[in-house]
N, C-alpha and C. Protein backbone atom coordinates (compact mmCIF):
# COMPACT_ATOMS: atom_id res chain seq x y z
N MET A 1 -94.94 -79.62 22.02
CA MET A 1 -93.85 -79.66 22.97
C MET A 1 -93.64 -81.11 23.39
N MET A 2 -92.35 -81.49 23.46
CA MET A 2 -92.01 -82.86 23.78
C MET A 2 -92.03 -83.05 25.31
N ASN A 3 -92.58 -84.17 25.71
CA ASN A 3 -92.57 -84.49 27.14
C ASN A 3 -91.30 -85.27 27.46
N LEU A 4 -90.47 -84.69 28.32
CA LEU A 4 -89.25 -85.35 28.76
C LEU A 4 -89.52 -86.07 30.07
N PRO A 5 -88.88 -87.19 30.27
CA PRO A 5 -89.07 -87.88 31.54
C PRO A 5 -88.51 -87.01 32.67
N ARG A 6 -89.17 -87.05 33.82
CA ARG A 6 -88.73 -86.27 34.98
C ARG A 6 -87.52 -86.89 35.66
N THR A 7 -87.16 -88.10 35.27
CA THR A 7 -85.96 -88.72 35.85
C THR A 7 -84.99 -89.07 34.74
N MET A 8 -83.72 -88.95 35.03
CA MET A 8 -82.67 -89.28 34.07
C MET A 8 -81.61 -90.05 34.84
N GLY A 9 -81.52 -91.33 34.61
CA GLY A 9 -80.51 -92.13 35.29
C GLY A 9 -80.70 -92.16 36.79
N GLY A 10 -81.93 -92.14 37.25
CA GLY A 10 -82.19 -92.18 38.68
C GLY A 10 -82.30 -90.81 39.32
N ASP A 11 -81.89 -89.76 38.62
CA ASP A 11 -81.95 -88.42 39.16
C ASP A 11 -83.14 -87.68 38.55
N THR A 12 -83.80 -86.89 39.36
CA THR A 12 -84.85 -86.05 38.82
C THR A 12 -84.19 -84.88 38.11
N LEU A 13 -84.95 -84.17 37.33
CA LEU A 13 -84.43 -83.01 36.61
C LEU A 13 -83.93 -81.95 37.59
N ASP A 14 -84.64 -81.76 38.69
CA ASP A 14 -84.21 -80.78 39.69
C ASP A 14 -82.88 -81.20 40.34
N GLU A 15 -82.75 -82.50 40.62
CA GLU A 15 -81.49 -82.99 41.20
C GLU A 15 -80.34 -82.81 40.22
N LEU A 16 -80.62 -83.05 38.94
CA LEU A 16 -79.61 -82.88 37.91
C LEU A 16 -79.19 -81.42 37.81
N ARG A 17 -80.15 -80.51 37.84
CA ARG A 17 -79.85 -79.07 37.82
C ARG A 17 -78.98 -78.69 39.01
N ASP A 18 -79.33 -79.20 40.18
CA ASP A 18 -78.56 -78.89 41.39
C ASP A 18 -77.13 -79.40 41.26
N LYS A 19 -76.96 -80.61 40.71
CA LYS A 19 -75.61 -81.17 40.53
C LYS A 19 -74.80 -80.31 39.56
N VAL A 20 -75.43 -79.91 38.46
CA VAL A 20 -74.74 -79.09 37.47
C VAL A 20 -74.36 -77.75 38.10
N ARG A 21 -75.29 -77.14 38.82
CA ARG A 21 -75.04 -75.86 39.49
C ARG A 21 -73.88 -76.00 40.48
N GLN A 22 -73.89 -77.09 41.25
CA GLN A 22 -72.85 -77.33 42.24
C GLN A 22 -71.49 -77.54 41.55
N ASN A 23 -71.47 -78.31 40.46
CA ASN A 23 -70.22 -78.53 39.72
C ASN A 23 -69.68 -77.23 39.13
N LEU A 24 -70.57 -76.40 38.59
CA LEU A 24 -70.14 -75.11 38.04
C LEU A 24 -69.58 -74.21 39.14
N GLN A 25 -70.21 -74.21 40.30
CA GLN A 25 -69.73 -73.39 41.42
C GLN A 25 -68.37 -73.87 41.90
N GLN A 26 -68.19 -75.19 41.99
CA GLN A 26 -66.90 -75.74 42.41
C GLN A 26 -65.80 -75.37 41.41
N ALA A 27 -66.12 -75.44 40.13
CA ALA A 27 -65.14 -75.08 39.10
C ALA A 27 -64.79 -73.60 39.19
N ALA A 28 -65.78 -72.75 39.42
CA ALA A 28 -65.52 -71.31 39.56
C ALA A 28 -64.67 -71.03 40.80
N ASP A 29 -64.96 -71.73 41.89
CA ASP A 29 -64.17 -71.57 43.12
C ASP A 29 -62.72 -71.98 42.89
N ARG A 30 -62.51 -73.09 42.19
CA ARG A 30 -61.14 -73.55 41.90
C ARG A 30 -60.40 -72.54 41.02
N ARG A 31 -61.10 -72.00 40.02
CA ARG A 31 -60.47 -70.99 39.15
C ARG A 31 -60.07 -69.76 39.95
N ALA A 32 -60.96 -69.30 40.82
CA ALA A 32 -60.67 -68.12 41.65
C ALA A 32 -59.49 -68.40 42.57
N GLU A 33 -59.47 -69.57 43.20
CA GLU A 33 -58.37 -69.92 44.09
C GLU A 33 -57.06 -70.00 43.32
N ASN A 34 -57.08 -70.61 42.15
CA ASN A 34 -55.87 -70.70 41.32
C ASN A 34 -55.39 -69.32 40.90
N GLN A 35 -56.33 -68.42 40.61
CA GLN A 35 -55.95 -67.07 40.21
C GLN A 35 -55.30 -66.32 41.37
N VAL A 36 -55.85 -66.47 42.57
CA VAL A 36 -55.27 -65.83 43.75
C VAL A 36 -53.86 -66.37 43.97
N GLN A 37 -53.71 -67.68 43.90
CA GLN A 37 -52.40 -68.30 44.11
C GLN A 37 -51.39 -67.83 43.08
N ASP A 38 -51.79 -67.83 41.81
CA ASP A 38 -50.88 -67.42 40.74
C ASP A 38 -50.48 -65.96 40.89
N THR A 39 -51.45 -65.11 41.21
CA THR A 39 -51.16 -63.69 41.38
C THR A 39 -50.22 -63.47 42.56
N LEU A 40 -50.46 -64.18 43.66
CA LEU A 40 -49.61 -64.04 44.83
C LEU A 40 -48.18 -64.47 44.52
N VAL A 41 -48.01 -65.61 43.89
CA VAL A 41 -46.66 -66.09 43.56
C VAL A 41 -45.98 -65.12 42.60
N THR A 42 -46.71 -64.64 41.61
CA THR A 42 -46.14 -63.68 40.66
C THR A 42 -45.66 -62.43 41.38
N ARG A 43 -46.49 -61.90 42.27
CA ARG A 43 -46.10 -60.68 43.02
C ARG A 43 -44.90 -60.94 43.93
N LEU A 44 -44.88 -62.10 44.59
CA LEU A 44 -43.74 -62.42 45.45
C LEU A 44 -42.45 -62.52 44.63
N LEU A 45 -42.54 -63.13 43.47
CA LEU A 45 -41.35 -63.26 42.64
C LEU A 45 -40.92 -61.92 42.05
N GLU A 46 -41.89 -61.05 41.76
CA GLU A 46 -41.55 -59.72 41.24
C GLU A 46 -40.87 -58.87 42.30
N THR A 47 -41.37 -58.92 43.53
CA THR A 47 -40.83 -58.08 44.60
C THR A 47 -39.61 -58.67 45.28
N ASN A 48 -39.40 -59.96 45.13
CA ASN A 48 -38.26 -60.64 45.75
C ASN A 48 -37.49 -61.41 44.68
N GLY A 49 -37.21 -60.74 43.59
CA GLY A 49 -36.59 -61.40 42.46
C GLY A 49 -35.25 -62.03 42.78
N PHE A 50 -35.01 -63.15 42.20
CA PHE A 50 -33.73 -63.84 42.34
C PHE A 50 -33.52 -64.69 41.10
N GLU A 51 -32.28 -64.91 40.80
CA GLU A 51 -31.94 -65.70 39.62
C GLU A 51 -31.86 -67.18 39.98
N VAL A 52 -32.16 -68.00 39.03
CA VAL A 52 -32.06 -69.45 39.19
C VAL A 52 -31.12 -69.97 38.11
N PRO A 53 -30.53 -71.13 38.33
CA PRO A 53 -29.60 -71.67 37.33
C PRO A 53 -30.26 -71.84 35.96
N PRO A 54 -29.63 -71.29 34.93
CA PRO A 54 -30.19 -71.42 33.58
C PRO A 54 -30.40 -72.87 33.15
N SER A 55 -29.56 -73.77 33.64
CA SER A 55 -29.70 -75.18 33.27
C SER A 55 -31.02 -75.75 33.79
N LEU A 56 -31.45 -75.32 34.99
CA LEU A 56 -32.74 -75.78 35.53
C LEU A 56 -33.90 -75.21 34.72
N VAL A 57 -33.77 -73.96 34.30
CA VAL A 57 -34.81 -73.32 33.49
C VAL A 57 -34.92 -74.04 32.15
N ARG A 58 -33.78 -74.33 31.53
CA ARG A 58 -33.78 -75.04 30.23
C ARG A 58 -34.44 -76.41 30.38
N GLU A 59 -34.07 -77.14 31.43
CA GLU A 59 -34.63 -78.48 31.64
C GLU A 59 -36.14 -78.41 31.87
N GLN A 60 -36.59 -77.44 32.67
CA GLN A 60 -38.02 -77.28 32.91
C GLN A 60 -38.75 -76.89 31.63
N MET A 61 -38.15 -76.01 30.85
CA MET A 61 -38.77 -75.61 29.58
C MET A 61 -38.93 -76.83 28.67
N ARG A 62 -37.93 -77.66 28.61
CA ARG A 62 -38.01 -78.85 27.75
C ARG A 62 -39.09 -79.80 28.24
N ARG A 63 -39.20 -79.96 29.57
CA ARG A 63 -40.28 -80.80 30.12
C ARG A 63 -41.65 -80.24 29.72
N MET A 64 -41.77 -78.93 29.82
CA MET A 64 -43.04 -78.29 29.48
C MET A 64 -43.37 -78.46 28.00
N LEU A 65 -42.36 -78.34 27.14
CA LEU A 65 -42.57 -78.52 25.70
C LEU A 65 -43.05 -79.93 25.40
N VAL A 66 -42.48 -80.92 26.09
CA VAL A 66 -42.90 -82.31 25.89
C VAL A 66 -44.33 -82.50 26.40
N GLU A 67 -44.62 -81.99 27.62
CA GLU A 67 -45.97 -82.13 28.19
C GLU A 67 -47.02 -81.46 27.32
N ALA A 68 -46.66 -80.33 26.70
CA ALA A 68 -47.60 -79.61 25.83
C ALA A 68 -47.72 -80.26 24.46
N GLY A 69 -46.88 -81.25 24.18
CA GLY A 69 -46.94 -81.92 22.89
C GLY A 69 -46.28 -81.14 21.77
N VAL A 70 -45.49 -80.12 22.11
CA VAL A 70 -44.82 -79.31 21.10
C VAL A 70 -43.65 -80.08 20.50
N VAL A 71 -42.94 -80.83 21.34
CA VAL A 71 -41.83 -81.67 20.88
C VAL A 71 -41.97 -83.05 21.51
N ARG A 72 -41.24 -84.00 20.94
CA ARG A 72 -41.22 -85.35 21.49
C ARG A 72 -39.81 -85.68 21.92
N PRO A 73 -39.69 -86.38 23.03
CA PRO A 73 -38.34 -86.76 23.46
C PRO A 73 -37.77 -87.80 22.51
N GLY A 74 -36.45 -87.75 22.35
CA GLY A 74 -35.78 -88.73 21.52
C GLY A 74 -35.69 -90.06 22.23
N ALA A 75 -35.14 -91.04 21.56
CA ALA A 75 -35.01 -92.39 22.13
C ALA A 75 -34.18 -92.37 23.41
N ASP A 76 -33.23 -91.44 23.50
CA ASP A 76 -32.38 -91.35 24.69
C ASP A 76 -32.98 -90.42 25.75
N GLY A 77 -34.19 -89.91 25.50
CA GLY A 77 -34.84 -89.02 26.47
C GLY A 77 -34.53 -87.56 26.26
N SER A 78 -33.59 -87.25 25.35
CA SER A 78 -33.23 -85.86 25.10
C SER A 78 -34.34 -85.17 24.30
N VAL A 79 -34.34 -83.84 24.38
CA VAL A 79 -35.35 -83.05 23.68
C VAL A 79 -34.65 -82.07 22.75
N ASN A 80 -35.00 -82.13 21.48
CA ASN A 80 -34.44 -81.20 20.51
C ASN A 80 -35.47 -80.10 20.27
N ASP A 81 -35.17 -78.92 20.79
CA ASP A 81 -36.10 -77.81 20.65
C ASP A 81 -35.61 -76.77 19.65
N ALA A 82 -34.67 -77.17 18.79
CA ALA A 82 -34.06 -76.23 17.85
C ALA A 82 -35.05 -75.68 16.83
N GLY A 83 -36.07 -76.44 16.45
CA GLY A 83 -36.99 -75.99 15.41
C GLY A 83 -38.17 -75.16 15.92
N ILE A 84 -38.17 -74.83 17.17
CA ILE A 84 -39.29 -74.09 17.76
C ILE A 84 -39.10 -72.60 17.51
N PRO A 85 -40.14 -71.91 17.03
CA PRO A 85 -40.03 -70.47 16.81
C PRO A 85 -39.61 -69.73 18.08
N GLU A 86 -38.85 -68.68 17.91
CA GLU A 86 -38.27 -67.94 19.04
C GLU A 86 -39.33 -67.41 20.00
N HIS A 87 -40.44 -66.90 19.49
CA HIS A 87 -41.47 -66.34 20.38
C HIS A 87 -42.09 -67.42 21.27
N ILE A 88 -42.22 -68.64 20.76
CA ILE A 88 -42.75 -69.74 21.57
C ILE A 88 -41.71 -70.16 22.60
N ARG A 89 -40.46 -70.24 22.18
CA ARG A 89 -39.38 -70.60 23.09
C ARG A 89 -39.29 -69.57 24.24
N GLU A 90 -39.42 -68.30 23.91
CA GLU A 90 -39.35 -67.25 24.93
C GLU A 90 -40.50 -67.37 25.94
N GLU A 91 -41.70 -67.62 25.44
CA GLU A 91 -42.85 -67.76 26.33
C GLU A 91 -42.69 -68.96 27.27
N PHE A 92 -42.24 -70.07 26.72
CA PHE A 92 -42.02 -71.25 27.55
C PHE A 92 -40.88 -71.01 28.55
N THR A 93 -39.86 -70.27 28.13
CA THR A 93 -38.74 -69.98 29.03
C THR A 93 -39.21 -69.11 30.20
N ILE A 94 -40.05 -68.13 29.92
CA ILE A 94 -40.58 -67.27 30.99
C ILE A 94 -41.37 -68.11 32.00
N GLN A 95 -42.24 -68.97 31.49
CA GLN A 95 -43.03 -69.82 32.39
C GLN A 95 -42.16 -70.82 33.14
N ALA A 96 -41.16 -71.36 32.47
CA ALA A 96 -40.25 -72.32 33.12
C ALA A 96 -39.47 -71.63 34.23
N ARG A 97 -38.99 -70.41 33.98
CA ARG A 97 -38.25 -69.66 35.01
C ARG A 97 -39.15 -69.42 36.22
N LYS A 98 -40.39 -69.05 35.97
CA LYS A 98 -41.32 -68.80 37.07
C LYS A 98 -41.55 -70.09 37.87
N GLN A 99 -41.69 -71.21 37.19
CA GLN A 99 -41.91 -72.48 37.89
C GLN A 99 -40.70 -72.87 38.73
N VAL A 100 -39.50 -72.70 38.18
CA VAL A 100 -38.29 -73.04 38.93
C VAL A 100 -38.14 -72.10 40.12
N GLN A 101 -38.37 -70.80 39.90
CA GLN A 101 -38.30 -69.85 41.01
C GLN A 101 -39.33 -70.19 42.09
N SER A 102 -40.51 -70.62 41.66
CA SER A 102 -41.56 -70.99 42.61
C SER A 102 -41.12 -72.16 43.49
N VAL A 103 -40.45 -73.13 42.89
CA VAL A 103 -39.95 -74.28 43.66
C VAL A 103 -38.97 -73.80 44.72
N PHE A 104 -38.04 -72.92 44.34
CA PHE A 104 -37.08 -72.38 45.30
C PHE A 104 -37.81 -71.59 46.39
N LEU A 105 -38.80 -70.79 46.00
CA LEU A 105 -39.58 -70.01 46.96
C LEU A 105 -40.31 -70.92 47.94
N PHE A 106 -41.00 -71.94 47.43
CA PHE A 106 -41.74 -72.85 48.31
C PHE A 106 -40.81 -73.63 49.23
N ASP A 107 -39.65 -74.03 48.71
CA ASP A 107 -38.68 -74.72 49.56
C ASP A 107 -38.20 -73.81 50.69
N ALA A 108 -37.95 -72.54 50.37
CA ALA A 108 -37.48 -71.60 51.39
C ALA A 108 -38.56 -71.34 52.43
N VAL A 109 -39.80 -71.18 52.01
CA VAL A 109 -40.91 -70.96 52.94
C VAL A 109 -41.09 -72.19 53.83
N ALA A 110 -41.05 -73.36 53.23
CA ALA A 110 -41.22 -74.59 54.01
C ALA A 110 -40.12 -74.73 55.06
N LYS A 111 -38.90 -74.40 54.68
CA LYS A 111 -37.79 -74.49 55.62
C LYS A 111 -37.93 -73.45 56.73
N GLN A 112 -38.23 -72.22 56.36
CA GLN A 112 -38.35 -71.13 57.34
C GLN A 112 -39.48 -71.39 58.32
N GLU A 113 -40.58 -71.95 57.84
CA GLU A 113 -41.76 -72.16 58.68
C GLU A 113 -41.84 -73.57 59.26
N ASN A 114 -40.78 -74.34 59.05
CA ASN A 114 -40.72 -75.72 59.55
C ASN A 114 -41.92 -76.56 59.10
N LEU A 115 -42.29 -76.40 57.84
CA LEU A 115 -43.38 -77.19 57.27
C LEU A 115 -42.84 -78.56 56.88
N ALA A 116 -43.65 -79.56 57.06
CA ALA A 116 -43.26 -80.92 56.70
C ALA A 116 -44.50 -81.69 56.27
N VAL A 117 -44.27 -82.78 55.58
CA VAL A 117 -45.34 -83.66 55.13
C VAL A 117 -45.19 -84.97 55.90
N SER A 118 -46.24 -85.33 56.61
CA SER A 118 -46.21 -86.56 57.41
C SER A 118 -46.47 -87.78 56.53
N ASP A 119 -46.12 -88.95 57.06
CA ASP A 119 -46.42 -90.19 56.36
C ASP A 119 -47.93 -90.37 56.20
N GLU A 120 -48.69 -89.91 57.19
CA GLU A 120 -50.15 -90.00 57.12
C GLU A 120 -50.70 -89.16 55.96
N GLU A 121 -50.13 -87.97 55.77
CA GLU A 121 -50.55 -87.12 54.65
C GLU A 121 -50.21 -87.78 53.32
N MET A 122 -49.07 -88.43 53.26
CA MET A 122 -48.69 -89.15 52.04
C MET A 122 -49.69 -90.27 51.76
N GLN A 123 -50.00 -91.05 52.78
CA GLN A 123 -50.95 -92.16 52.62
C GLN A 123 -52.34 -91.65 52.23
N GLN A 124 -52.74 -90.53 52.83
CA GLN A 124 -54.04 -89.95 52.50
C GLN A 124 -54.08 -89.54 51.02
N GLN A 125 -53.00 -88.93 50.54
CA GLN A 125 -52.96 -88.52 49.14
C GLN A 125 -52.99 -89.73 48.21
N ILE A 126 -52.26 -90.76 48.56
CA ILE A 126 -52.26 -91.99 47.75
C ILE A 126 -53.66 -92.61 47.74
N ALA A 127 -54.33 -92.59 48.89
CA ALA A 127 -55.71 -93.11 48.97
C ALA A 127 -56.64 -92.30 48.08
N GLU A 128 -56.43 -90.98 48.02
CA GLU A 128 -57.26 -90.13 47.15
C GLU A 128 -57.01 -90.46 45.68
N VAL A 129 -55.76 -90.74 45.35
CA VAL A 129 -55.44 -91.12 43.97
C VAL A 129 -56.15 -92.43 43.63
N ILE A 130 -56.08 -93.39 44.53
CA ILE A 130 -56.74 -94.68 44.30
C ILE A 130 -58.24 -94.49 44.15
N ALA A 131 -58.84 -93.65 45.00
CA ALA A 131 -60.28 -93.39 44.91
C ALA A 131 -60.64 -92.76 43.57
N SER A 132 -59.76 -91.91 43.04
CA SER A 132 -60.08 -91.23 41.78
C SER A 132 -59.90 -92.13 40.56
N VAL A 133 -58.96 -93.09 40.63
CA VAL A 133 -58.72 -93.96 39.47
C VAL A 133 -59.46 -95.28 39.59
N GLY A 134 -59.94 -95.59 40.78
CA GLY A 134 -60.68 -96.83 40.98
C GLY A 134 -59.85 -97.88 41.69
N VAL A 135 -60.52 -98.61 42.56
CA VAL A 135 -59.85 -99.62 43.38
C VAL A 135 -59.22 -100.71 42.51
N GLU A 136 -59.80 -100.97 41.34
CA GLU A 136 -59.24 -102.01 40.47
C GLU A 136 -57.83 -101.67 39.99
N ARG A 137 -57.43 -100.40 40.10
CA ARG A 137 -56.08 -99.99 39.69
C ARG A 137 -55.16 -99.75 40.89
N GLN A 138 -55.60 -100.17 42.07
CA GLN A 138 -54.82 -99.94 43.29
C GLN A 138 -53.42 -100.55 43.20
N SER A 139 -53.31 -101.72 42.64
CA SER A 139 -51.99 -102.37 42.56
C SER A 139 -51.04 -101.54 41.70
N GLN A 140 -51.55 -100.92 40.63
CA GLN A 140 -50.71 -100.07 39.79
C GLN A 140 -50.26 -98.83 40.56
N VAL A 141 -51.19 -98.23 41.30
CA VAL A 141 -50.86 -97.04 42.08
C VAL A 141 -49.85 -97.39 43.17
N ASP A 142 -50.08 -98.51 43.86
CA ASP A 142 -49.16 -98.95 44.90
C ASP A 142 -47.76 -99.21 44.32
N ALA A 143 -47.71 -99.83 43.15
CA ALA A 143 -46.42 -100.11 42.51
C ALA A 143 -45.71 -98.80 42.13
N TYR A 144 -46.48 -97.84 41.65
CA TYR A 144 -45.91 -96.54 41.28
C TYR A 144 -45.29 -95.86 42.50
N TYR A 145 -46.05 -95.82 43.59
CA TYR A 145 -45.55 -95.14 44.79
C TYR A 145 -44.61 -96.00 45.63
N ALA A 146 -44.39 -97.22 45.23
CA ALA A 146 -43.38 -98.05 45.90
C ALA A 146 -41.98 -97.57 45.51
N ARG A 147 -41.88 -96.91 44.37
CA ARG A 147 -40.59 -96.37 43.92
C ARG A 147 -40.24 -95.13 44.74
N GLU A 148 -39.04 -95.11 45.27
CA GLU A 148 -38.58 -94.02 46.14
C GLU A 148 -38.66 -92.66 45.44
N GLU A 149 -38.30 -92.62 44.17
CA GLU A 149 -38.33 -91.37 43.42
C GLU A 149 -39.74 -90.79 43.35
N ASN A 150 -40.74 -91.64 43.13
CA ASN A 150 -42.13 -91.18 43.05
C ASN A 150 -42.64 -90.72 44.42
N GLN A 151 -42.20 -91.38 45.48
CA GLN A 151 -42.55 -90.93 46.83
C GLN A 151 -41.95 -89.55 47.09
N ARG A 152 -40.70 -89.36 46.68
CA ARG A 152 -40.03 -88.06 46.87
C ARG A 152 -40.76 -86.96 46.11
N LEU A 153 -41.15 -87.26 44.87
CA LEU A 153 -41.87 -86.27 44.07
C LEU A 153 -43.21 -85.91 44.71
N LEU A 154 -43.93 -86.92 45.21
CA LEU A 154 -45.21 -86.66 45.87
C LEU A 154 -44.99 -85.84 47.13
N ARG A 155 -44.00 -86.20 47.94
CA ARG A 155 -43.73 -85.46 49.18
C ARG A 155 -43.40 -84.00 48.86
N ASN A 156 -42.58 -83.77 47.83
CA ASN A 156 -42.23 -82.40 47.44
C ASN A 156 -43.46 -81.62 46.97
N ARG A 157 -44.31 -82.28 46.17
CA ARG A 157 -45.51 -81.59 45.69
C ARG A 157 -46.41 -81.21 46.85
N LEU A 158 -46.60 -82.13 47.79
CA LEU A 158 -47.43 -81.84 48.96
C LEU A 158 -46.81 -80.75 49.83
N LEU A 159 -45.49 -80.75 49.95
CA LEU A 159 -44.81 -79.72 50.73
C LEU A 159 -44.97 -78.35 50.07
N HIS A 160 -44.83 -78.32 48.75
CA HIS A 160 -45.01 -77.06 48.02
C HIS A 160 -46.45 -76.58 48.13
N ASP A 161 -47.41 -77.51 48.08
CA ASP A 161 -48.81 -77.12 48.26
C ASP A 161 -49.03 -76.51 49.64
N LYS A 162 -48.39 -77.09 50.66
CA LYS A 162 -48.49 -76.57 52.03
C LYS A 162 -47.89 -75.17 52.12
N ALA A 163 -46.73 -74.98 51.50
CA ALA A 163 -46.07 -73.67 51.52
C ALA A 163 -46.94 -72.63 50.81
N LEU A 164 -47.53 -73.00 49.68
CA LEU A 164 -48.40 -72.09 48.96
C LEU A 164 -49.63 -71.75 49.79
N LYS A 165 -50.22 -72.75 50.42
CA LYS A 165 -51.38 -72.52 51.28
C LYS A 165 -51.00 -71.57 52.43
N PHE A 166 -49.84 -71.78 53.02
CA PHE A 166 -49.36 -70.90 54.08
C PHE A 166 -49.26 -69.47 53.57
N LEU A 167 -48.66 -69.28 52.40
CA LEU A 167 -48.51 -67.94 51.83
C LEU A 167 -49.86 -67.28 51.58
N VAL A 168 -50.80 -68.04 51.04
CA VAL A 168 -52.13 -67.50 50.75
C VAL A 168 -52.82 -67.08 52.05
N GLU A 169 -52.69 -67.92 53.08
CA GLU A 169 -53.33 -67.60 54.37
C GLU A 169 -52.74 -66.33 54.98
N LYS A 170 -51.46 -66.08 54.77
CA LYS A 170 -50.79 -64.92 55.36
C LYS A 170 -50.90 -63.66 54.50
N ALA A 171 -51.32 -63.82 53.28
CA ALA A 171 -51.39 -62.69 52.35
C ALA A 171 -52.58 -61.80 52.66
N ALA A 172 -52.40 -60.52 52.40
CA ALA A 172 -53.49 -59.56 52.48
C ALA A 172 -54.07 -59.45 51.07
N VAL A 173 -55.23 -60.04 50.86
CA VAL A 173 -55.83 -60.10 49.53
C VAL A 173 -56.99 -59.12 49.46
N LYS A 174 -56.99 -58.29 48.41
CA LYS A 174 -58.11 -57.40 48.14
C LYS A 174 -58.84 -57.94 46.93
N ILE A 175 -60.14 -58.09 47.06
CA ILE A 175 -60.94 -58.58 45.94
C ILE A 175 -61.44 -57.38 45.16
N VAL A 176 -61.14 -57.38 43.86
CA VAL A 176 -61.56 -56.32 42.97
C VAL A 176 -62.61 -56.89 42.04
N GLU A 177 -63.77 -56.27 42.01
CA GLU A 177 -64.85 -56.76 41.16
C GLU A 177 -64.54 -56.46 39.71
N GLY A 178 -64.55 -57.50 38.89
CA GLY A 178 -64.39 -57.35 37.44
C GLY A 178 -62.99 -56.91 37.05
N ASP A 179 -62.78 -56.81 35.76
CA ASP A 179 -61.50 -56.36 35.22
C ASP A 179 -61.61 -54.96 34.66
N VAL A 180 -62.55 -54.19 35.15
CA VAL A 180 -62.80 -52.85 34.63
C VAL A 180 -61.96 -51.84 35.40
N ALA A 181 -61.31 -50.95 34.69
CA ALA A 181 -60.52 -49.92 35.35
C ALA A 181 -61.43 -49.08 36.24
N GLY A 182 -60.94 -48.80 37.44
CA GLY A 182 -61.72 -47.98 38.37
C GLY A 182 -62.77 -48.76 39.12
N ALA A 183 -62.73 -50.09 39.04
CA ALA A 183 -63.70 -50.90 39.77
C ALA A 183 -63.51 -50.69 41.27
N GLU A 184 -64.60 -50.79 42.01
CA GLU A 184 -64.52 -50.60 43.44
C GLU A 184 -63.88 -51.80 44.09
N GLU A 185 -63.11 -51.55 45.17
CA GLU A 185 -62.46 -52.63 45.89
C GLU A 185 -63.30 -53.02 47.08
N LYS A 186 -63.22 -54.32 47.44
CA LYS A 186 -63.87 -54.84 48.63
C LYS A 186 -62.79 -55.41 49.54
N ASP A 187 -62.97 -55.30 50.81
CA ASP A 187 -62.03 -55.91 51.76
C ASP A 187 -62.49 -57.26 52.17
């Protein structure tokens, strides 16, 4: 049997195990939270269905196709999605419609509940971005958020996050153990 050192990069094996366990738990918590949020938004959109402009859905679908690497934007920024198989186009269209509807839903909730994003919240988020990318890139981050359009996008994202958090807090959520039919419910 090989003898491994009890320390690895300054951490003992037990400390390393604890860090891994903690990281796995945080990832599981994020997945569970994302699943609750997605399920809630899906149910709200199903029960309060409304149509959104097809042009917004098309534009969102094209953005998603580019982000997924399925297509590349042309030199003029346009996206040619003509060669994409119909079943892929349909799936992206469904997701794009849900995303556009979600934006309208979050905007309506934010307006109804008088939710707003303060300048302090904006600065806090920018500070978190800088902390995650490193202080040596602060000037790049500052330059990015100096643009009014990028500030608007950040403010909207934070406002939508607030609206989603509000909805989750107000929702009556039942936790069902496992994906097995007939599983017992917990309150």
